[in-house]
Amino acid sequence: MNDDDTQNKAKILIVDDDSINISLFERALNKDFVLCSAGDGATALTLMREELPDLVLLDVMMPGMSGFEVMSAMKIQPATAEIPVIFVTALDRGESESEGLELGAVDYIHKPFDVALTKLRIRNHVERKLQRDQLKQQKLDLEATLARIKRLEGIISICMYCKQIRNSDQAWQQIEVYISEHSEAEFSHGICPSCKEEHFPHLKSRSTPDEKTQK
């Protein structure tokens, strides 16, 4: 697998104290996702902060920290709070499943699991997560654009004679330089009729390109 393939694949963290279960998931998912694994809750929480997976497959029954305790710890950390979690369990449906969903799990997988169905459910949840990430990034980009626009709001000091602008460092700049640095505007130059008459009287009988455009 080359670096481009790895970068284009979503990352899944498998958390289970049984290495056999981890191997089963790895064989089922390794062609479609980048995988990492942990055998206990404490290690899983550390990996989540380091790897920031797109989804966590989390075993409910583990020694030390249970899956429910791991998820509770995830929710109080900003870096991991929004990572979707699918609980994996051999427990009967009912109270256990309700507890996991109340904690914020997006789904449950029951052991033994159907490989094809499990892959489909995982893929659907990963795609939803990536779509949310994309929308979040678009929002951040829009906010950054608006922030750049706002930089041109407020009172701007401009020389009444040469029309240079005083910047935030108290230095004077040509107006086009100042605007270029604070926006994405570009400039072209021409000569207005009054300046042409004042500075180029010998061109009075000729029309500038700008004047021709205005006629």
C-alpha atoms as a PDB file:
ATOM      1  CA  MET A   1       0.000   0.000   0.000  1.00  0.00           C
ATOM      2  CA  ASN A   2       1.516   3.351  -1.018  1.00  0.00           C
ATOM      3  CA  ASP A   3       1.236   6.598   0.929  1.00  0.00           C
ATOM      4  CA  ASP A   4      -1.491   8.035  -1.348  1.00  0.00           C
ATOM      5  CA  ASP A   5      -3.716   4.994  -0.818  1.00  0.00           C
ATOM      6  CA  THR A   6      -3.263   5.275   2.938  1.00  0.00           C
ATOM      7  CA  GLN A   7      -4.049   8.999   2.999  1.00  0.00           C
ATOM      8  CA  ASN A   8      -7.265   8.476   1.022  1.00  0.00           C
ATOM      9  CA  LYS A   9      -8.616   5.797   3.358  1.00  0.00           C
ATOM     10  CA  ALA A  10     -10.573   6.389   6.544  1.00  0.00           C
ATOM     11  CA  LYS A  11      -8.971   5.221   9.792  1.00  0.00           C
ATOM     12  CA  ILE A  12     -10.631   2.802  12.198  1.00  0.00           C
ATOM     13  CA  LEU A  13      -9.517   1.942  15.723  1.00  0.00           C
ATOM     14  CA  ILE A  14     -10.428  -1.566  16.922  1.00  0.00           C
ATOM     15  CA  VAL A  15     -10.582  -1.921  20.718  1.00  0.00           C
ATOM     16  CA  ASP A  16     -10.902  -5.451  22.117  1.00  0.00           C
ATOM     17  CA  ASP A  17      -9.101  -7.447  24.802  1.00  0.00           C
ATOM     18  CA  ASP A  18      -9.405 -10.583  22.655  1.00  0.00           C
ATOM     19  CA  SER A  19      -6.723 -10.674  19.938  1.00  0.00           C
ATOM     20  CA  ILE A  20      -8.813 -13.159  17.932  1.00  0.00           C
ATOM     21  CA  ASN A  21     -11.636 -10.631  17.618  1.00  0.00           C
ATOM     22  CA  ILE A  22      -9.155  -7.973  16.515  1.00  0.00           C
ATOM     23  CA  SER A  23      -7.785 -10.325  13.867  1.00  0.00           C
ATOM     24  CA  LEU A  24     -11.302 -11.060  12.572  1.00  0.00           C
ATOM     25  CA  PHE A  25     -12.020  -7.357  12.123  1.00  0.00           C
ATOM     26  CA  GLU A  26      -8.621  -6.730  10.540  1.00  0.00           C
ATOM     27  CA  ARG A  27      -9.158  -9.444   7.934  1.00  0.00           C
ATOM     28  CA  ALA A  28     -12.606  -8.078   7.148  1.00  0.00           C
ATOM     29  CA  LEU A  29     -11.628  -4.400   6.920  1.00  0.00           C
ATOM     30  CA  ASN A  30      -7.955  -4.074   5.974  1.00  0.00           C
ATOM     31  CA  LYS A  31      -8.613  -3.636   2.239  1.00  0.00           C
ATOM     32  CA  ASP A  32     -10.945  -0.684   2.715  1.00  0.00           C
ATOM     33  CA  PHE A  33      -9.605   1.130   5.778  1.00  0.00           C
ATOM     34  CA  VAL A  34      -6.434   2.036   7.648  1.00  0.00           C
ATOM     35  CA  LEU A  35      -6.558   0.073  10.893  1.00  0.00           C
ATOM     36  CA  CYS A  36      -5.037   0.388  14.346  1.00  0.00           C
ATOM     37  CA  SER A  37      -5.897  -1.587  17.460  1.00  0.00           C
ATOM     38  CA  ALA A  38      -5.742  -1.566  21.248  1.00  0.00           C
ATOM     39  CA  GLY A  39      -6.262  -4.349  23.783  1.00  0.00           C
ATOM     40  CA  ASP A  40      -7.483  -2.197  26.664  1.00  0.00           C
ATOM     41  CA  GLY A  41      -9.292   1.047  27.350  1.00  0.00           C
ATOM     42  CA  ALA A  42      -6.361   3.137  28.553  1.00  0.00           C
ATOM     43  CA  THR A  43      -4.284   2.309  25.469  1.00  0.00           C
ATOM     44  CA  ALA A  44      -7.313   3.001  23.275  1.00  0.00           C
ATOM     45  CA  LEU A  45      -7.771   6.506  24.708  1.00  0.00           C
ATOM     46  CA  THR A  46      -4.102   7.294  24.086  1.00  0.00           C
ATOM     47  CA  LEU A  47      -4.326   6.049  20.479  1.00  0.00           C
ATOM     48  CA  MET A  48      -7.474   8.063  19.868  1.00  0.00           C
ATOM     49  CA  ARG A  49      -5.719  11.291  20.813  1.00  0.00           C
ATOM     50  CA  GLU A  50      -2.681  10.414  18.692  1.00  0.00           C
ATOM     51  CA  GLU A  51      -4.365   8.918  15.622  1.00  0.00           C
ATOM     52  CA  LEU A  52      -7.773  10.674  15.604  1.00  0.00           C
ATOM     53  CA  PRO A  53      -9.581   7.758  13.924  1.00  0.00           C
ATOM     54  CA  ASP A  54     -12.709   8.286  11.864  1.00  0.00           C
ATOM     55  CA  LEU A  55     -14.529   5.530  13.770  1.00  0.00           C
ATOM     56  CA  VAL A  56     -13.967   3.300  16.816  1.00  0.00           C
ATOM     57  CA  LEU A  57     -15.093  -0.319  17.104  1.00  0.00           C
ATOM     58  CA  LEU A  58     -15.320  -0.674  20.873  1.00  0.00           C
ATOM     59  CA  ASP A  59     -15.807  -3.926  22.791  1.00  0.00           C
ATOM     60  CA  VAL A  60     -18.229  -3.525  25.692  1.00  0.00           C
ATOM     61  CA  MET A  61     -16.838  -6.148  28.086  1.00  0.00           C
ATOM     62  CA  MET A  62     -13.131  -5.575  28.821  1.00  0.00           C
ATOM     63  CA  PRO A  63     -11.079  -5.894  32.002  1.00  0.00           C
ATOM     64  CA  GLY A  64     -10.029  -2.629  33.644  1.00  0.00           C
ATOM     65  CA  MET A  65     -12.127  -0.089  31.735  1.00  0.00           C
ATOM     66  CA  SER A  66     -15.311  -1.309  30.120  1.00  0.00           C
ATOM     67  CA  GLY A  67     -16.354  -0.012  26.720  1.00  0.00           C
ATOM     68  CA  PHE A  68     -18.935   2.218  28.405  1.00  0.00           C
ATOM     69  CA  GLU A  69     -16.241   3.753  30.620  1.00  0.00           C
ATOM     70  CA  VAL A  70     -13.988   4.320  27.620  1.00  0.00           C
ATOM     71  CA  MET A  71     -16.747   6.130  25.779  1.00  0.00           C
ATOM     72  CA  SER A  72     -17.568   8.276  28.814  1.00  0.00           C
ATOM     73  CA  ALA A  73     -13.893   9.296  28.920  1.00  0.00           C
ATOM     74  CA  MET A  74     -13.968  10.073  25.182  1.00  0.00           C
ATOM     75  CA  LYS A  75     -16.908  12.422  25.568  1.00  0.00           C
ATOM     76  CA  ILE A  76     -15.157  14.732  28.033  1.00  0.00           C
ATOM     77  CA  GLN A  77     -12.142  15.234  25.755  1.00  0.00           C
ATOM     78  CA  PRO A  78     -12.705  17.751  22.896  1.00  0.00           C
ATOM     79  CA  ALA A  79     -10.296  15.892  20.587  1.00  0.00           C
ATOM     80  CA  THR A  80     -12.234  12.610  20.839  1.00  0.00           C
ATOM     81  CA  ALA A  81     -15.765  13.678  21.761  1.00  0.00           C
ATOM     82  CA  GLU A  82     -17.106  13.611  18.190  1.00  0.00           C
ATOM     83  CA  ILE A  83     -15.480  10.371  17.011  1.00  0.00           C
ATOM     84  CA  PRO A  84     -18.312   7.929  16.189  1.00  0.00           C
ATOM     85  CA  VAL A  85     -18.349   4.704  18.210  1.00  0.00           C
ATOM     86  CA  ILE A  86     -19.841   1.332  17.309  1.00  0.00           C
ATOM     87  CA  PHE A  87     -20.085  -0.984  20.290  1.00  0.00           C
ATOM     88  CA  VAL A  88     -19.191  -4.626  19.748  1.00  0.00           C
ATOM     89  CA  THR A  89     -20.742  -7.072  22.195  1.00  0.00           C
ATOM     90  CA  ALA A  90     -21.714 -10.658  22.861  1.00  0.00           C
ATOM     91  CA  LEU A  91     -24.329  -9.511  25.390  1.00  0.00           C
ATOM     92  CA  ASP A  92     -28.028  -9.863  24.727  1.00  0.00           C
ATOM     93  CA  ARG A  93     -29.889  -6.909  23.269  1.00  0.00           C
ATOM     94  CA  GLY A  94     -31.803  -4.775  25.724  1.00  0.00           C
ATOM     95  CA  GLU A  95     -30.476  -2.860  28.696  1.00  0.00           C
ATOM     96  CA  SER A  96     -26.839  -3.040  27.577  1.00  0.00           C
ATOM     97  CA  GLU A  97     -27.644  -1.715  24.109  1.00  0.00           C
ATOM     98  CA  SER A  98     -29.801   1.074  25.531  1.00  0.00           C
ATOM     99  CA  GLU A  99     -26.958   2.194  27.808  1.00  0.00           C
ATOM    100  CA  GLY A 100     -24.525   2.379  24.909  1.00  0.00           C
ATOM    101  CA  LEU A 101     -26.895   4.352  22.704  1.00  0.00           C
ATOM    102  CA  GLU A 102     -27.632   6.760  25.550  1.00  0.00           C
ATOM    103  CA  LEU A 103     -23.893   7.400  25.872  1.00  0.00           C
ATOM    104  CA  GLY A 104     -23.839   8.395  22.202  1.00  0.00           C
ATOM    105  CA  ALA A 105     -22.886   5.253  20.275  1.00  0.00           C
ATOM    106  CA  VAL A 106     -23.960   5.334  16.633  1.00  0.00           C
ATOM    107  CA  ASP A 107     -24.572   1.577  16.331  1.00  0.00           C
ATOM    108  CA  TYR A 108     -24.119  -1.907  17.808  1.00  0.00           C
ATOM    109  CA  ILE A 109     -22.505  -4.999  16.320  1.00  0.00           C
ATOM    110  CA  HIS A 110     -23.330  -8.308  17.973  1.00  0.00           C
ATOM    111  CA  LYS A 111     -20.934 -11.243  18.076  1.00  0.00           C
ATOM    112  CA  PRO A 112     -20.615 -13.388  16.109  1.00  0.00           C
ATOM    113  CA  PHE A 113     -20.952 -10.797  13.345  1.00  0.00           C
ATOM    114  CA  ASP A 114     -21.875 -11.101   9.682  1.00  0.00           C
ATOM    115  CA  VAL A 115     -18.865  -9.830   7.731  1.00  0.00           C
ATOM    116  CA  ALA A 116     -20.711  -8.369   4.721  1.00  0.00           C
ATOM    117  CA  LEU A 117     -23.370  -6.636   6.815  1.00  0.00           C
ATOM    118  CA  THR A 118     -20.790  -5.349   9.300  1.00  0.00           C
ATOM    119  CA  LYS A 119     -18.646  -3.851   6.526  1.00  0.00           C
ATOM    120  CA  LEU A 120     -21.698  -2.117   5.058  1.00  0.00           C
ATOM    121  CA  ARG A 121     -22.748  -0.616   8.389  1.00  0.00           C
ATOM    122  CA  ILE A 122     -19.224   0.539   9.152  1.00  0.00           C
ATOM    123  CA  ARG A 123     -18.840   2.108   5.705  1.00  0.00           C
ATOM    124  CA  ASN A 124     -22.109   4.008   6.094  1.00  0.00           C
ATOM    125  CA  HIS A 125     -21.098   5.468   9.457  1.00  0.00           C
ATOM    126  CA  VAL A 126     -17.637   6.402   8.193  1.00  0.00           C
ATOM    127  CA  GLU A 127     -19.113   8.190   5.162  1.00  0.00           C
ATOM    128  CA  ARG A 128     -21.447  10.185   7.407  1.00  0.00           C
ATOM    129  CA  LYS A 129     -18.522  11.173   9.618  1.00  0.00           C
ATOM    130  CA  LEU A 130     -16.421  12.286   6.647  1.00  0.00           C
ATOM    131  CA  GLN A 131     -19.345  14.337   5.317  1.00  0.00           C
ATOM    132  CA  ARG A 132     -19.647  16.074   8.695  1.00  0.00           C
ATOM    133  CA  ASP A 133     -15.912  16.780   8.634  1.00  0.00           C
ATOM    134  CA  GLN A 134     -16.222  18.275   5.163  1.00  0.00           C
ATOM    135  CA  LEU A 135     -19.101  20.531   6.207  1.00  0.00           C
ATOM    136  CA  LYS A 136     -17.167  21.605   9.301  1.00  0.00           C
ATOM    137  CA  GLN A 137     -14.129  22.501   7.183  1.00  0.00           C
ATOM    138  CA  GLN A 138     -16.299  24.443   4.732  1.00  0.00           C
ATOM    139  CA  LYS A 139     -17.726  26.414   7.652  1.00  0.00           C
ATOM    140  CA  LEU A 140     -14.222  27.180   8.944  1.00  0.00           C
ATOM    141  CA  ASP A 141     -13.126  28.287   5.460  1.00  0.00           C
ATOM    142  CA  LEU A 142     -16.158  30.576   5.174  1.00  0.00           C
ATOM    143  CA  GLU A 143     -15.486  32.087   8.589  1.00  0.00           C
ATOM    144  CA  ALA A 144     -11.860  32.691   7.622  1.00  0.00           C
ATOM    145  CA  THR A 145     -12.985  34.415   4.408  1.00  0.00           C
ATOM    146  CA  LEU A 146     -15.396  36.623   6.327  1.00  0.00           C
ATOM    147  CA  ALA A 147     -12.628  37.473   8.787  1.00  0.00           C
ATOM    148  CA  ARG A 148     -10.409  38.602   5.902  1.00  0.00           C
ATOM    149  CA  ILE A 149     -13.206  40.779   4.564  1.00  0.00           C
ATOM    150  CA  LYS A 150     -13.774  42.355   7.980  1.00  0.00           C
ATOM    151  CA  ARG A 151     -10.122  43.408   8.065  1.00  0.00           C
ATOM    152  CA  LEU A 152     -11.101  46.197   5.642  1.00  0.00           C
ATOM    153  CA  GLU A 153     -13.866  47.482   7.915  1.00  0.00           C
ATOM    154  CA  GLY A 154     -13.510  50.302  10.414  1.00  0.00           C
ATOM    155  CA  ILE A 155     -11.685  53.631  10.196  1.00  0.00           C
ATOM    156  CA  ILE A 156      -8.680  53.688   7.842  1.00  0.00           C
ATOM    157  CA  SER A 157      -6.194  56.568   7.994  1.00  0.00           C
ATOM    158  CA  ILE A 158      -5.531  57.961   4.519  1.00  0.00           C
ATOM    159  CA  CYS A 159      -3.370  60.930   3.523  1.00  0.00           C
ATOM    160  CA  MET A 160      -5.527  63.750   2.126  1.00  0.00           C
ATOM    161  CA  TYR A 161      -2.827  64.674  -0.403  1.00  0.00           C
ATOM    162  CA  CYS A 162      -1.024  61.578  -1.689  1.00  0.00           C
ATOM    163  CA  LYS A 163      -3.808  59.120  -0.670  1.00  0.00           C
ATOM    164  CA  GLN A 164      -1.425  56.675   0.996  1.00  0.00           C
ATOM    165  CA  ILE A 165      -2.863  54.536   3.803  1.00  0.00           C
ATOM    166  CA  ARG A 166      -1.364  54.119   7.267  1.00  0.00           C
ATOM    167  CA  ASN A 167      -1.228  50.404   8.177  1.00  0.00           C
ATOM    168  CA  SER A 168      -1.270  48.711  11.588  1.00  0.00           C
ATOM    169  CA  ASP A 169       2.523  49.157  11.861  1.00  0.00           C
ATOM    170  CA  GLN A 170       2.058  52.923  11.457  1.00  0.00           C
ATOM    171  CA  ALA A 171       3.837  52.804   8.094  1.00  0.00           C
ATOM    172  CA  TRP A 172       2.400  54.472   4.988  1.00  0.00           C
ATOM    173  CA  GLN A 173       1.562  52.407   1.921  1.00  0.00           C
ATOM    174  CA  GLN A 174       0.132  52.993  -1.508  1.00  0.00           C
ATOM    175  CA  ILE A 175      -3.607  52.318  -1.397  1.00  0.00           C
ATOM    176  CA  GLU A 176      -3.411  49.456  -3.904  1.00  0.00           C
ATOM    177  CA  VAL A 177      -0.657  47.758  -1.871  1.00  0.00           C
ATOM    178  CA  TYR A 178      -2.704  48.040   1.314  1.00  0.00           C
ATOM    179  CA  ILE A 179      -5.871  46.627  -0.266  1.00  0.00           C
ATOM    180  CA  SER A 180      -3.961  43.786  -1.957  1.00  0.00           C
ATOM    181  CA  GLU A 181      -2.509  42.735   1.398  1.00  0.00           C
ATOM    182  CA  HIS A 182      -5.902  42.799   3.117  1.00  0.00           C
ATOM    183  CA  SER A 183      -8.087  41.242   0.433  1.00  0.00           C
ATOM    184  CA  GLU A 184      -7.969  39.160  -2.729  1.00  0.00           C
ATOM    185  CA  ALA A 185      -8.573  42.157  -4.988  1.00  0.00           C
ATOM    186  CA  GLU A 186      -6.320  42.747  -8.003  1.00  0.00           C
ATOM    187  CA  PHE A 187      -5.644  46.059  -9.750  1.00  0.00           C
ATOM    188  CA  SER A 188      -5.185  47.391 -13.254  1.00  0.00           C
ATOM    189  CA  HIS A 189      -4.188  50.988 -13.974  1.00  0.00           C
ATOM    190  CA  GLY A 190      -5.590  53.621 -16.284  1.00  0.00           C
ATOM    191  CA  ILE A 191      -5.926  57.426 -16.459  1.00  0.00           C
ATOM    192  CA  CYS A 192      -9.140  59.224 -15.581  1.00  0.00           C
ATOM    193  CA  PRO A 193     -10.171  62.170 -17.832  1.00  0.00           C
ATOM    194  CA  SER A 194      -9.264  64.905 -15.323  1.00  0.00           C
ATOM    195  CA  CYS A 195      -5.778  63.483 -14.650  1.00  0.00           C
ATOM    196  CA  LYS A 196      -5.172  63.054 -18.369  1.00  0.00           C
ATOM    197  CA  GLU A 197      -6.057  66.692 -18.943  1.00  0.00           C
ATOM    198  CA  GLU A 198      -3.803  67.855 -16.088  1.00  0.00           C
ATOM    199  CA  HIS A 199      -0.761  65.654 -16.670  1.00  0.00           C
ATOM    200  CA  PHE A 200      -0.951  64.844 -20.376  1.00  0.00           C
ATOM    201  CA  PRO A 201      -2.494  67.896 -22.110  1.00  0.00           C
ATOM    202  CA  HIS A 202      -0.840  66.916 -25.379  1.00  0.00           C
ATOM    203  CA  LEU A 203      -3.051  63.793 -25.417  1.00  0.00           C
ATOM    204  CA  LYS A 204      -6.239  65.826 -25.158  1.00  0.00           C
ATOM    205  CA  SER A 205      -7.381  64.890 -28.638  1.00  0.00           C
ATOM    206  CA  ARG A 206      -6.875  61.173 -28.056  1.00  0.00           C
ATOM    207  CA  SER A 207      -9.030  58.790 -26.071  1.00  0.00           C
ATOM    208  CA  THR A 208      -7.544  56.469 -23.473  1.00  0.00           C
ATOM    209  CA  PRO A 209      -8.559  52.801 -23.451  1.00  0.00           C
ATOM    210  CA  ASP A 210     -10.686  53.453 -20.358  1.00  0.00           C
ATOM    211  CA  GLU A 211     -12.492  56.345 -22.037  1.00  0.00           C
ATOM    212  CA  LYS A 212     -13.222  54.248 -25.118  1.00  0.00           C
ATOM    213  CA  THR A 213     -14.737  51.580 -22.911  1.00  0.00           C
ATOM    214  CA  GLN A 214     -16.986  54.134 -21.208  1.00  0.00           C
ATOM    215  CA  LYS A 215     -18.364  55.536 -24.493  1.00  0.00           C
END
